[in-house]
N, C-alpha and C. Protein backbone atom coordinates (compact mmCIF):
# COMPACT_ATOMS: atom_id res chain seq x y z
N MET A 1 23.51 1.76 18.18
CA MET A 1 22.69 2.94 18.18
C MET A 1 21.26 2.55 18.58
N GLU A 2 20.77 3.18 19.62
CA GLU A 2 19.43 2.89 20.10
C GLU A 2 18.40 3.65 19.25
N LYS A 3 17.38 2.93 18.81
CA LYS A 3 16.32 3.57 18.03
C LYS A 3 15.25 4.11 18.96
N SER A 4 14.56 5.14 18.49
CA SER A 4 13.47 5.72 19.27
C SER A 4 12.35 6.13 18.34
N LEU A 5 11.19 6.33 18.90
CA LEU A 5 10.04 6.78 18.11
C LEU A 5 10.29 8.21 17.66
N THR A 6 9.96 8.49 16.41
CA THR A 6 10.24 9.82 15.87
C THR A 6 9.02 10.75 15.87
N HIS A 7 7.84 10.20 16.07
CA HIS A 7 6.63 11.01 15.97
C HIS A 7 6.11 11.49 17.33
N VAL A 8 6.99 11.45 18.34
CA VAL A 8 6.65 12.03 19.64
C VAL A 8 7.84 12.89 20.10
N ASN A 9 7.53 13.99 20.80
CA ASN A 9 8.59 14.84 21.31
C ASN A 9 9.04 14.33 22.68
N ALA A 10 9.95 15.03 23.32
CA ALA A 10 10.49 14.61 24.61
C ALA A 10 9.41 14.51 25.69
N SER A 11 8.32 15.25 25.52
CA SER A 11 7.22 15.21 26.48
C SER A 11 6.19 14.14 26.14
N GLY A 12 6.41 13.41 25.07
CA GLY A 12 5.48 12.37 24.68
C GLY A 12 4.31 12.85 23.83
N GLU A 13 4.38 14.08 23.37
CA GLU A 13 3.31 14.64 22.53
C GLU A 13 3.56 14.31 21.06
N SER A 14 2.49 14.10 20.33
CA SER A 14 2.61 13.80 18.90
C SER A 14 3.21 14.98 18.16
N ARG A 15 3.99 14.65 17.12
CA ARG A 15 4.57 15.71 16.30
C ARG A 15 4.83 15.17 14.90
N MET A 16 4.83 16.07 13.95
CA MET A 16 5.26 15.73 12.61
C MET A 16 6.78 15.92 12.58
N VAL A 17 7.49 14.92 12.09
CA VAL A 17 8.95 14.98 12.05
C VAL A 17 9.39 16.14 11.16
N ASP A 18 10.36 16.91 11.62
CA ASP A 18 10.91 18.02 10.85
C ASP A 18 11.98 17.46 9.92
N VAL A 19 11.70 17.49 8.62
CA VAL A 19 12.65 16.96 7.63
C VAL A 19 13.37 18.08 6.88
N SER A 20 13.24 19.31 7.35
CA SER A 20 13.77 20.45 6.60
C SER A 20 15.29 20.40 6.43
N GLU A 21 16.01 19.73 7.30
CA GLU A 21 17.46 19.65 7.19
C GLU A 21 17.93 18.44 6.37
N LYS A 22 17.01 17.57 6.00
CA LYS A 22 17.39 16.38 5.22
C LYS A 22 17.62 16.76 3.76
N LYS A 23 18.54 16.06 3.12
CA LYS A 23 18.79 16.27 1.70
C LYS A 23 17.72 15.58 0.87
N VAL A 24 17.38 16.20 -0.24
CA VAL A 24 16.46 15.58 -1.19
C VAL A 24 17.21 14.44 -1.87
N SER A 25 16.57 13.29 -1.93
CA SER A 25 17.17 12.14 -2.61
C SER A 25 16.05 11.29 -3.21
N PHE A 26 16.45 10.39 -4.10
CA PHE A 26 15.49 9.48 -4.71
C PHE A 26 15.07 8.46 -3.67
N ARG A 27 13.77 8.34 -3.46
CA ARG A 27 13.21 7.41 -2.47
C ARG A 27 12.28 6.45 -3.19
N GLN A 28 12.32 5.20 -2.79
CA GLN A 28 11.36 4.24 -3.32
C GLN A 28 11.04 3.21 -2.26
N ALA A 29 9.86 2.63 -2.38
CA ALA A 29 9.43 1.59 -1.45
C ALA A 29 8.45 0.67 -2.16
N SER A 30 8.39 -0.56 -1.69
CA SER A 30 7.39 -1.49 -2.19
C SER A 30 6.74 -2.19 -1.00
N ALA A 31 5.48 -2.52 -1.18
CA ALA A 31 4.71 -3.18 -0.12
C ALA A 31 3.80 -4.23 -0.74
N LYS A 32 3.26 -5.06 0.11
CA LYS A 32 2.45 -6.18 -0.36
C LYS A 32 1.22 -6.35 0.54
N ALA A 33 0.14 -6.78 -0.06
CA ALA A 33 -1.05 -7.23 0.67
C ALA A 33 -1.52 -8.51 0.00
N VAL A 34 -2.11 -9.39 0.79
CA VAL A 34 -2.61 -10.66 0.27
C VAL A 34 -4.10 -10.74 0.56
N VAL A 35 -4.87 -11.14 -0.46
CA VAL A 35 -6.31 -11.36 -0.31
C VAL A 35 -6.56 -12.85 -0.51
N LEU A 36 -7.15 -13.49 0.50
CA LEU A 36 -7.47 -14.92 0.43
C LEU A 36 -8.94 -15.09 0.11
N PHE A 37 -9.23 -15.92 -0.89
CA PHE A 37 -10.59 -16.14 -1.34
C PHE A 37 -11.05 -17.55 -1.00
N PRO A 38 -12.34 -17.72 -0.65
CA PRO A 38 -12.89 -19.07 -0.63
C PRO A 38 -12.76 -19.65 -2.04
N LEU A 39 -12.54 -20.95 -2.14
CA LEU A 39 -12.27 -21.57 -3.44
C LEU A 39 -13.40 -21.36 -4.44
N ASN A 40 -14.65 -21.39 -3.98
CA ASN A 40 -15.77 -21.18 -4.92
C ASN A 40 -15.77 -19.75 -5.47
N VAL A 41 -15.38 -18.78 -4.66
CA VAL A 41 -15.31 -17.38 -5.12
C VAL A 41 -14.17 -17.23 -6.12
N LEU A 42 -13.03 -17.81 -5.80
CA LEU A 42 -11.89 -17.74 -6.71
C LEU A 42 -12.23 -18.37 -8.06
N ALA A 43 -12.92 -19.50 -8.03
CA ALA A 43 -13.32 -20.17 -9.28
C ALA A 43 -14.23 -19.28 -10.10
N GLN A 44 -15.17 -18.62 -9.43
CA GLN A 44 -16.09 -17.73 -10.14
C GLN A 44 -15.35 -16.52 -10.71
N LEU A 45 -14.43 -15.95 -9.95
CA LEU A 45 -13.66 -14.80 -10.45
C LEU A 45 -12.85 -15.18 -11.68
N LYS A 46 -12.21 -16.33 -11.62
CA LYS A 46 -11.40 -16.76 -12.76
C LYS A 46 -12.29 -17.06 -13.97
N LYS A 47 -13.45 -17.66 -13.72
CA LYS A 47 -14.39 -17.95 -14.81
C LYS A 47 -14.88 -16.66 -15.47
N ASP A 48 -15.12 -15.65 -14.66
CA ASP A 48 -15.63 -14.36 -15.16
C ASP A 48 -14.52 -13.37 -15.49
N ASN A 49 -13.27 -13.84 -15.53
CA ASN A 49 -12.12 -12.99 -15.87
C ASN A 49 -12.03 -11.75 -14.96
N CYS A 50 -12.31 -11.96 -13.68
CA CYS A 50 -12.26 -10.90 -12.65
C CYS A 50 -13.17 -9.72 -12.97
N GLN A 51 -14.29 -10.01 -13.57
CA GLN A 51 -15.30 -8.98 -13.85
C GLN A 51 -16.51 -9.22 -12.95
N VAL A 52 -17.03 -8.20 -12.34
CA VAL A 52 -18.27 -8.26 -11.58
C VAL A 52 -19.15 -7.11 -12.05
N LYS A 53 -20.36 -7.03 -11.50
CA LYS A 53 -21.27 -5.96 -11.93
C LYS A 53 -20.68 -4.56 -11.71
N LYS A 54 -19.82 -4.43 -10.71
CA LYS A 54 -19.21 -3.12 -10.43
C LYS A 54 -18.08 -2.78 -11.40
N GLY A 55 -17.61 -3.77 -12.18
CA GLY A 55 -16.56 -3.50 -13.16
C GLY A 55 -15.42 -4.50 -13.11
N ALA A 56 -14.30 -4.11 -13.72
CA ALA A 56 -13.10 -4.94 -13.78
C ALA A 56 -12.37 -4.81 -12.44
N ILE A 57 -12.43 -5.87 -11.63
CA ILE A 57 -11.94 -5.81 -10.25
C ILE A 57 -10.51 -5.30 -10.17
N LEU A 58 -9.62 -5.89 -10.91
CA LEU A 58 -8.21 -5.56 -10.75
C LEU A 58 -7.87 -4.16 -11.25
N GLU A 59 -8.55 -3.72 -12.30
CA GLU A 59 -8.28 -2.36 -12.79
C GLU A 59 -8.83 -1.30 -11.84
N VAL A 60 -10.00 -1.55 -11.29
CA VAL A 60 -10.54 -0.61 -10.31
C VAL A 60 -9.65 -0.59 -9.06
N ALA A 61 -9.19 -1.78 -8.63
CA ALA A 61 -8.31 -1.86 -7.46
C ALA A 61 -6.97 -1.17 -7.74
N ARG A 62 -6.45 -1.30 -8.96
CA ARG A 62 -5.18 -0.64 -9.31
C ARG A 62 -5.34 0.88 -9.18
N ILE A 63 -6.41 1.42 -9.73
CA ILE A 63 -6.64 2.87 -9.65
C ILE A 63 -6.84 3.29 -8.19
N ALA A 64 -7.56 2.48 -7.42
CA ALA A 64 -7.75 2.80 -6.00
C ALA A 64 -6.42 2.80 -5.25
N GLY A 65 -5.55 1.85 -5.56
CA GLY A 65 -4.24 1.79 -4.91
C GLY A 65 -3.41 3.02 -5.24
N ILE A 66 -3.42 3.42 -6.50
CA ILE A 66 -2.69 4.63 -6.90
C ILE A 66 -3.25 5.84 -6.16
N GLN A 67 -4.57 5.95 -6.13
CA GLN A 67 -5.20 7.07 -5.42
C GLN A 67 -4.89 7.02 -3.93
N GLY A 68 -4.87 5.81 -3.36
CA GLY A 68 -4.53 5.67 -1.94
C GLY A 68 -3.14 6.20 -1.64
N ALA A 69 -2.17 5.86 -2.50
CA ALA A 69 -0.80 6.36 -2.30
C ALA A 69 -0.80 7.89 -2.31
N LYS A 70 -1.52 8.47 -3.26
CA LYS A 70 -1.55 9.93 -3.38
C LYS A 70 -2.24 10.59 -2.20
N MET A 71 -3.18 9.89 -1.56
CA MET A 71 -3.96 10.46 -0.46
C MET A 71 -3.41 10.13 0.93
N THR A 72 -2.28 9.44 1.00
CA THR A 72 -1.75 8.99 2.28
C THR A 72 -1.71 10.08 3.35
N PRO A 73 -1.19 11.28 3.06
CA PRO A 73 -1.15 12.29 4.13
C PRO A 73 -2.53 12.73 4.61
N SER A 74 -3.56 12.48 3.83
CA SER A 74 -4.92 12.84 4.25
C SER A 74 -5.50 11.84 5.24
N ILE A 75 -4.97 10.61 5.24
CA ILE A 75 -5.54 9.60 6.12
C ILE A 75 -4.59 9.12 7.22
N ILE A 76 -3.31 9.35 7.05
CA ILE A 76 -2.31 9.03 8.09
C ILE A 76 -1.81 10.38 8.61
N PRO A 77 -2.24 10.79 9.79
CA PRO A 77 -2.10 12.18 10.23
C PRO A 77 -0.71 12.79 10.19
N LEU A 78 0.34 12.04 10.49
CA LEU A 78 1.66 12.65 10.60
C LEU A 78 2.54 12.42 9.38
N CYS A 79 1.97 11.92 8.29
CA CYS A 79 2.72 11.75 7.04
C CYS A 79 2.87 13.08 6.32
N HIS A 80 4.03 13.28 5.71
CA HIS A 80 4.28 14.49 4.94
C HIS A 80 3.63 14.38 3.56
N PRO A 81 3.07 15.45 3.05
CA PRO A 81 2.63 15.45 1.65
C PRO A 81 3.86 15.35 0.75
N LEU A 82 3.83 14.44 -0.20
CA LEU A 82 4.97 14.21 -1.09
C LEU A 82 4.54 14.33 -2.53
N MET A 83 5.45 14.79 -3.35
CA MET A 83 5.21 14.84 -4.79
C MET A 83 5.68 13.50 -5.35
N LEU A 84 4.75 12.55 -5.47
CA LEU A 84 5.11 11.22 -5.95
C LEU A 84 5.42 11.28 -7.44
N SER A 85 6.47 10.57 -7.84
CA SER A 85 6.83 10.55 -9.25
C SER A 85 6.37 9.28 -9.94
N GLY A 86 5.97 8.28 -9.17
CA GLY A 86 5.48 7.06 -9.78
C GLY A 86 4.82 6.15 -8.76
N VAL A 87 3.73 5.53 -9.16
CA VAL A 87 3.05 4.52 -8.34
C VAL A 87 2.61 3.40 -9.26
N GLU A 88 2.98 2.18 -8.91
CA GLU A 88 2.55 0.99 -9.64
C GLU A 88 1.87 0.05 -8.68
N VAL A 89 0.82 -0.62 -9.15
CA VAL A 89 0.14 -1.64 -8.36
C VAL A 89 -0.05 -2.85 -9.28
N ASP A 90 0.53 -3.98 -8.88
CA ASP A 90 0.47 -5.19 -9.69
C ASP A 90 -0.18 -6.33 -8.92
N PHE A 91 -0.74 -7.28 -9.66
CA PHE A 91 -1.51 -8.38 -9.09
C PHE A 91 -1.01 -9.71 -9.63
N SER A 92 -1.03 -10.73 -8.78
CA SER A 92 -0.76 -12.09 -9.23
C SER A 92 -1.55 -13.06 -8.36
N PHE A 93 -2.11 -14.08 -8.99
CA PHE A 93 -2.82 -15.12 -8.26
C PHE A 93 -1.86 -16.25 -7.94
N GLU A 94 -1.89 -16.70 -6.68
CA GLU A 94 -1.12 -17.85 -6.25
C GLU A 94 -2.05 -18.70 -5.39
N ASP A 95 -2.41 -19.87 -5.89
CA ASP A 95 -3.37 -20.75 -5.23
C ASP A 95 -4.66 -19.99 -4.99
N ASP A 96 -5.13 -19.91 -3.74
CA ASP A 96 -6.39 -19.22 -3.44
C ASP A 96 -6.15 -17.78 -3.00
N GLN A 97 -5.00 -17.23 -3.35
CA GLN A 97 -4.61 -15.90 -2.89
C GLN A 97 -4.35 -14.96 -4.06
N LEU A 98 -4.71 -13.72 -3.83
CA LEU A 98 -4.34 -12.64 -4.74
C LEU A 98 -3.24 -11.84 -4.06
N HIS A 99 -2.07 -11.78 -4.67
CA HIS A 99 -0.95 -11.00 -4.14
C HIS A 99 -0.94 -9.63 -4.83
N ILE A 100 -0.94 -8.59 -4.02
CA ILE A 100 -0.93 -7.22 -4.51
C ILE A 100 0.40 -6.61 -4.10
N VAL A 101 1.15 -6.10 -5.07
CA VAL A 101 2.44 -5.47 -4.78
C VAL A 101 2.40 -4.04 -5.33
N SER A 102 2.72 -3.10 -4.46
CA SER A 102 2.78 -1.69 -4.86
C SER A 102 4.23 -1.23 -4.86
N LYS A 103 4.53 -0.30 -5.75
CA LYS A 103 5.85 0.33 -5.81
C LYS A 103 5.63 1.84 -5.94
N VAL A 104 6.29 2.59 -5.08
CA VAL A 104 6.12 4.04 -5.05
C VAL A 104 7.50 4.69 -5.10
N LYS A 105 7.60 5.80 -5.87
CA LYS A 105 8.87 6.52 -6.03
C LYS A 105 8.64 8.02 -5.88
N CYS A 106 9.69 8.70 -5.42
CA CYS A 106 9.67 10.17 -5.40
C CYS A 106 11.08 10.70 -5.17
N MET A 107 11.26 11.96 -5.43
CA MET A 107 12.44 12.70 -5.01
C MET A 107 11.97 13.50 -3.80
N GLY A 108 12.56 13.26 -2.65
CA GLY A 108 12.07 13.96 -1.47
C GLY A 108 13.01 13.88 -0.29
N GLN A 109 12.54 14.43 0.82
CA GLN A 109 13.31 14.48 2.06
C GLN A 109 12.88 13.41 3.05
N THR A 110 11.87 12.64 2.68
CA THR A 110 11.40 11.56 3.55
C THR A 110 10.91 10.42 2.66
N GLY A 111 10.85 9.24 3.24
CA GLY A 111 10.56 8.04 2.47
C GLY A 111 9.09 7.87 2.09
N VAL A 112 8.85 6.87 1.28
CA VAL A 112 7.51 6.60 0.75
C VAL A 112 6.96 5.24 1.22
N GLU A 113 7.43 4.77 2.38
CA GLU A 113 6.94 3.49 2.89
C GLU A 113 5.44 3.52 3.14
N MET A 114 4.98 4.59 3.77
CA MET A 114 3.56 4.67 4.10
C MET A 114 2.70 4.75 2.84
N GLU A 115 3.20 5.41 1.82
CA GLU A 115 2.46 5.50 0.56
C GLU A 115 2.37 4.12 -0.09
N ALA A 116 3.46 3.35 -0.05
CA ALA A 116 3.43 1.99 -0.62
C ALA A 116 2.49 1.09 0.17
N LEU A 117 2.53 1.17 1.49
CA LEU A 117 1.64 0.37 2.33
C LEU A 117 0.17 0.76 2.12
N THR A 118 -0.08 2.06 1.98
CA THR A 118 -1.45 2.53 1.76
C THR A 118 -1.94 2.09 0.39
N ALA A 119 -1.08 2.12 -0.61
CA ALA A 119 -1.48 1.67 -1.95
C ALA A 119 -1.89 0.20 -1.93
N ALA A 120 -1.07 -0.65 -1.34
CA ALA A 120 -1.38 -2.08 -1.29
C ALA A 120 -2.66 -2.33 -0.48
N SER A 121 -2.79 -1.64 0.64
CA SER A 121 -3.97 -1.82 1.50
C SER A 121 -5.24 -1.35 0.80
N THR A 122 -5.18 -0.20 0.16
CA THR A 122 -6.35 0.35 -0.52
C THR A 122 -6.77 -0.55 -1.68
N ALA A 123 -5.81 -1.08 -2.41
CA ALA A 123 -6.14 -2.00 -3.50
C ALA A 123 -6.82 -3.26 -2.93
N ALA A 124 -6.30 -3.78 -1.82
CA ALA A 124 -6.90 -4.97 -1.20
C ALA A 124 -8.32 -4.69 -0.71
N LEU A 125 -8.52 -3.55 -0.09
CA LEU A 125 -9.86 -3.17 0.37
C LEU A 125 -10.83 -3.03 -0.79
N THR A 126 -10.34 -2.53 -1.90
CA THR A 126 -11.19 -2.37 -3.09
C THR A 126 -11.57 -3.73 -3.66
N VAL A 127 -10.63 -4.66 -3.69
CA VAL A 127 -10.96 -6.03 -4.13
C VAL A 127 -12.05 -6.61 -3.23
N TYR A 128 -11.89 -6.45 -1.93
CA TYR A 128 -12.91 -6.93 -0.99
C TYR A 128 -14.26 -6.30 -1.30
N ASP A 129 -14.28 -4.99 -1.44
CA ASP A 129 -15.53 -4.28 -1.71
C ASP A 129 -16.21 -4.79 -2.98
N MET A 130 -15.42 -5.04 -4.00
CA MET A 130 -16.00 -5.46 -5.28
C MET A 130 -16.44 -6.92 -5.27
N CYS A 131 -15.91 -7.71 -4.33
CA CYS A 131 -16.22 -9.15 -4.30
C CYS A 131 -17.12 -9.56 -3.14
N LYS A 132 -17.43 -8.65 -2.23
CA LYS A 132 -18.17 -9.03 -1.02
C LYS A 132 -19.56 -9.57 -1.32
N ALA A 133 -20.13 -9.24 -2.47
CA ALA A 133 -21.45 -9.79 -2.82
C ALA A 133 -21.35 -11.31 -3.03
N LEU A 134 -20.15 -11.80 -3.36
CA LEU A 134 -19.95 -13.24 -3.55
C LEU A 134 -19.70 -13.96 -2.24
N SER A 135 -19.06 -13.28 -1.27
CA SER A 135 -18.77 -13.89 0.03
C SER A 135 -18.18 -12.85 0.97
N HIS A 136 -18.52 -12.99 2.25
CA HIS A 136 -17.88 -12.16 3.27
C HIS A 136 -16.74 -12.93 3.94
N ASP A 137 -16.42 -14.11 3.43
CA ASP A 137 -15.32 -14.91 3.96
C ASP A 137 -13.99 -14.59 3.30
N ILE A 138 -13.92 -13.53 2.56
CA ILE A 138 -12.67 -13.06 1.96
C ILE A 138 -11.84 -12.44 3.08
N VAL A 139 -10.54 -12.74 3.09
CA VAL A 139 -9.67 -12.26 4.16
C VAL A 139 -8.52 -11.46 3.56
N ILE A 140 -8.27 -10.27 4.12
CA ILE A 140 -7.11 -9.48 3.75
C ILE A 140 -6.04 -9.75 4.80
N SER A 141 -4.84 -10.10 4.35
CA SER A 141 -3.79 -10.43 5.32
C SER A 141 -2.43 -10.00 4.80
N GLN A 142 -1.44 -10.17 5.64
CA GLN A 142 -0.04 -9.97 5.28
C GLN A 142 0.23 -8.63 4.60
N ILE A 143 -0.23 -7.56 5.18
CA ILE A 143 0.15 -6.24 4.67
C ILE A 143 1.53 -5.95 5.25
N LEU A 144 2.52 -5.82 4.37
CA LEU A 144 3.87 -5.64 4.86
C LEU A 144 4.73 -4.84 3.89
N LEU A 145 5.73 -4.19 4.46
CA LEU A 145 6.73 -3.48 3.67
C LEU A 145 7.70 -4.50 3.12
N LEU A 146 7.92 -4.48 1.81
CA LEU A 146 8.88 -5.37 1.17
C LEU A 146 10.27 -4.75 1.09
N SER A 147 10.31 -3.45 0.77
CA SER A 147 11.61 -2.79 0.65
C SER A 147 11.44 -1.28 0.73
N LYS A 148 12.52 -0.62 1.07
CA LYS A 148 12.60 0.83 1.00
C LYS A 148 14.06 1.19 0.76
N SER A 149 14.26 2.25 0.02
CA SER A 149 15.63 2.71 -0.20
C SER A 149 15.63 4.21 -0.44
N GLY A 150 16.81 4.79 -0.26
CA GLY A 150 17.00 6.20 -0.54
C GLY A 150 17.12 7.08 0.66
N GLY A 151 16.90 6.54 1.84
CA GLY A 151 17.03 7.35 3.05
C GLY A 151 18.25 6.94 3.84
N LYS A 152 18.18 7.14 5.12
CA LYS A 152 19.30 6.81 6.02
C LYS A 152 19.57 5.30 6.02
N ASP A 153 18.50 4.51 6.03
CA ASP A 153 18.63 3.05 6.07
C ASP A 153 17.82 2.43 4.95
N ASP A 154 18.41 1.46 4.26
CA ASP A 154 17.66 0.67 3.29
C ASP A 154 17.09 -0.55 4.01
N TYR A 155 16.02 -1.08 3.45
CA TYR A 155 15.37 -2.25 4.04
C TYR A 155 14.87 -3.14 2.92
N HIS A 156 15.08 -4.44 3.06
CA HIS A 156 14.57 -5.43 2.09
C HIS A 156 14.19 -6.68 2.86
N VAL A 157 13.00 -7.20 2.56
CA VAL A 157 12.56 -8.44 3.20
C VAL A 157 13.42 -9.57 2.69
């Protein structure tokens, strides 16, 4: 089966995919973003328990990620507004990296991959914003979909 782009019509014009004929089903997706810190910044963050003058970095980033998932249709033009039933954003440090993993769930006619990717990305951007006073050498990388299920095709890294 040959795959094709779904957000363009036969004339090549942009369109929002019509999901009205799809059955409502449980959809979930998870995504990841990685933030790489210079070693001196990472040492300072760990010493200060991830607190900066702007607040608790990881808690502010968690709330930003949740809000990002909820706002996805406002910033990604062809995404459908979805009634999300759950959004989680978790953090783990590995060497000089902060791994951010988001999980998004809903009952709907289309998947939540973009919401999961937006949650992870928004959390990573918030970490950068809160830490940029320490260094501009912080790098956001590896934003990727880890899994999706509940639609026509499941996907797992």
